[in-house]
Amino acid sequence: MIPPHTIGSTLGDVAATLAAAGFDAARRHARRVLAVALGLAPEQVFAQLDRMITENEGERIAAVLRRVLAREPLSRILGVR
């Protein structure tokens, strides 16, 4: 059984993945990935570190992370210039 994940634990996992892929400021990028995927402002991510991630949210985070790892700009992912 996979343990439930919080925003905080997911933030750490995403930051580690980005760091391993060579991203500078991996934790800052991770916060932005979670914010985009969860529809939050970046500062709201830190305010909700103990909130549990739903399966649907986890899938959205994974999808955004895949695109970021492919070096697609977050502005394109969001659909804004």
C-alpha atoms as a PDB file:
ATOM      1  CA  MET A   1       0.000   0.000   0.000  1.00  0.00           C
ATOM      2  CA  ILE A   2       1.300   3.454  -0.929  1.00  0.00           C
ATOM      3  CA  PRO A   3       1.271   5.846   2.017  1.00  0.00           C
ATOM      4  CA  PRO A   4      -0.748   9.040   1.634  1.00  0.00           C
ATOM      5  CA  HIS A   5       1.232  12.079   0.589  1.00  0.00           C
ATOM      6  CA  THR A   6       1.034  15.617   1.869  1.00  0.00           C
ATOM      7  CA  ILE A   7       1.853  18.757  -0.060  1.00  0.00           C
ATOM      8  CA  GLY A   8       5.034  18.980   2.018  1.00  0.00           C
ATOM      9  CA  SER A   9       6.272  15.473   1.207  1.00  0.00           C
ATOM     10  CA  THR A  10       5.338  15.906  -2.445  1.00  0.00           C
ATOM     11  CA  LEU A  11       7.189  19.220  -2.539  1.00  0.00           C
ATOM     12  CA  GLY A  12      10.315  17.447  -1.304  1.00  0.00           C
ATOM     13  CA  ASP A  13       9.939  14.655  -3.862  1.00  0.00           C
ATOM     14  CA  VAL A  14       9.423  17.075  -6.753  1.00  0.00           C
ATOM     15  CA  ALA A  15      12.383  19.212  -5.616  1.00  0.00           C
ATOM     16  CA  ALA A  16      14.630  16.129  -5.483  1.00  0.00           C
ATOM     17  CA  THR A  17      13.523  15.088  -8.966  1.00  0.00           C
ATOM     18  CA  LEU A  18      14.203  18.557 -10.362  1.00  0.00           C
ATOM     19  CA  ALA A  19      17.591  18.770  -8.631  1.00  0.00           C
ATOM     20  CA  ALA A  20      18.576  15.378 -10.063  1.00  0.00           C
ATOM     21  CA  ALA A  21      17.605  16.682 -13.515  1.00  0.00           C
ATOM     22  CA  GLY A  22      19.943  19.658 -13.077  1.00  0.00           C
ATOM     23  CA  PHE A  23      17.459  22.422 -12.299  1.00  0.00           C
ATOM     24  CA  ASP A  24      18.877  25.354 -10.334  1.00  0.00           C
ATOM     25  CA  ALA A  25      16.749  26.440  -7.359  1.00  0.00           C
ATOM     26  CA  ALA A  26      14.930  23.105  -7.464  1.00  0.00           C
ATOM     27  CA  ARG A  27      12.789  23.801  -4.377  1.00  0.00           C
ATOM     28  CA  ARG A  28      11.544  27.098  -5.844  1.00  0.00           C
ATOM     29  CA  HIS A  29      10.703  25.357  -9.119  1.00  0.00           C
ATOM     30  CA  ALA A  30       9.008  22.542  -7.206  1.00  0.00           C
ATOM     31  CA  ARG A  31       6.824  25.041  -5.357  1.00  0.00           C
ATOM     32  CA  ARG A  32       5.796  26.555  -8.686  1.00  0.00           C
ATOM     33  CA  VAL A  33       5.050  23.103 -10.165  1.00  0.00           C
ATOM     34  CA  LEU A  34       2.768  22.287  -7.236  1.00  0.00           C
ATOM     35  CA  ALA A  35       1.120  25.708  -7.383  1.00  0.00           C
ATOM     36  CA  VAL A  36       0.342  25.298 -11.089  1.00  0.00           C
ATOM     37  CA  ALA A  37      -0.917  21.730 -10.699  1.00  0.00           C
ATOM     38  CA  LEU A  38      -3.045  22.505  -7.637  1.00  0.00           C
ATOM     39  CA  GLY A  39      -4.345  25.894  -8.771  1.00  0.00           C
ATOM     40  CA  LEU A  40      -2.710  27.690  -5.844  1.00  0.00           C
ATOM     41  CA  ALA A  41      -0.597  30.801  -5.535  1.00  0.00           C
ATOM     42  CA  PRO A  42       3.037  29.787  -4.831  1.00  0.00           C
ATOM     43  CA  GLU A  43       2.878  31.168  -1.285  1.00  0.00           C
ATOM     44  CA  GLN A  44      -0.216  29.041  -0.588  1.00  0.00           C
ATOM     45  CA  VAL A  45       1.849  25.889  -1.120  1.00  0.00           C
ATOM     46  CA  PHE A  46       3.869  26.630   2.038  1.00  0.00           C
ATOM     47  CA  ALA A  47       0.696  27.497   3.943  1.00  0.00           C
ATOM     48  CA  GLN A  48      -0.769  24.036   3.244  1.00  0.00           C
ATOM     49  CA  LEU A  49       2.217  21.696   3.719  1.00  0.00           C
ATOM     50  CA  ASP A  50       0.206  19.266   5.883  1.00  0.00           C
ATOM     51  CA  ARG A  51      -2.741  19.002   3.464  1.00  0.00           C
ATOM     52  CA  MET A  52      -3.157  15.586   1.870  1.00  0.00           C
ATOM     53  CA  ILE A  53      -2.828  15.243  -1.899  1.00  0.00           C
ATOM     54  CA  THR A  54      -5.731  13.480  -3.616  1.00  0.00           C
ATOM     55  CA  GLU A  55      -5.095  10.901  -6.323  1.00  0.00           C
ATOM     56  CA  ASN A  56      -6.368  13.339  -8.972  1.00  0.00           C
ATOM     57  CA  GLU A  57      -4.050  16.078  -7.675  1.00  0.00           C
ATOM     58  CA  GLY A  58      -1.129  13.644  -7.687  1.00  0.00           C
ATOM     59  CA  GLU A  59      -1.810  12.843 -11.331  1.00  0.00           C
ATOM     60  CA  ARG A  60      -1.940  16.560 -12.199  1.00  0.00           C
ATOM     61  CA  ILE A  61       1.344  17.177 -10.365  1.00  0.00           C
ATOM     62  CA  ALA A  62       2.974  14.285 -12.233  1.00  0.00           C
ATOM     63  CA  ALA A  63       1.722  15.626 -15.576  1.00  0.00           C
ATOM     64  CA  VAL A  64       3.043  19.137 -14.923  1.00  0.00           C
ATOM     65  CA  LEU A  65       6.343  17.712 -13.652  1.00  0.00           C
ATOM     66  CA  ARG A  66       6.797  15.638 -16.825  1.00  0.00           C
ATOM     67  CA  ARG A  67       6.363  18.764 -18.929  1.00  0.00           C
ATOM     68  CA  VAL A  68       8.755  20.792 -16.780  1.00  0.00           C
ATOM     69  CA  LEU A  69      11.367  18.016 -16.968  1.00  0.00           C
ATOM     70  CA  ALA A  70      11.015  18.231 -20.753  1.00  0.00           C
ATOM     71  CA  ARG A  71      12.019  21.924 -20.301  1.00  0.00           C
ATOM     72  CA  GLU A  72       8.600  23.270 -21.249  1.00  0.00           C
ATOM     73  CA  PRO A  73       8.120  26.715 -19.680  1.00  0.00           C
ATOM     74  CA  LEU A  74       5.478  26.984 -16.950  1.00  0.00           C
ATOM     75  CA  SER A  75       3.972  29.925 -18.813  1.00  0.00           C
ATOM     76  CA  ARG A  76       3.225  27.603 -21.735  1.00  0.00           C
ATOM     77  CA  ILE A  77       1.832  24.954 -19.408  1.00  0.00           C
ATOM     78  CA  LEU A  78      -0.431  27.614 -17.888  1.00  0.00           C
ATOM     79  CA  GLY A  79      -1.346  28.941 -21.334  1.00  0.00           C
ATOM     80  CA  VAL A  80      -0.218  32.514 -20.612  1.00  0.00           C
ATOM     81  CA  ARG A  81       2.539  34.669 -22.044  1.00  0.00           C
END
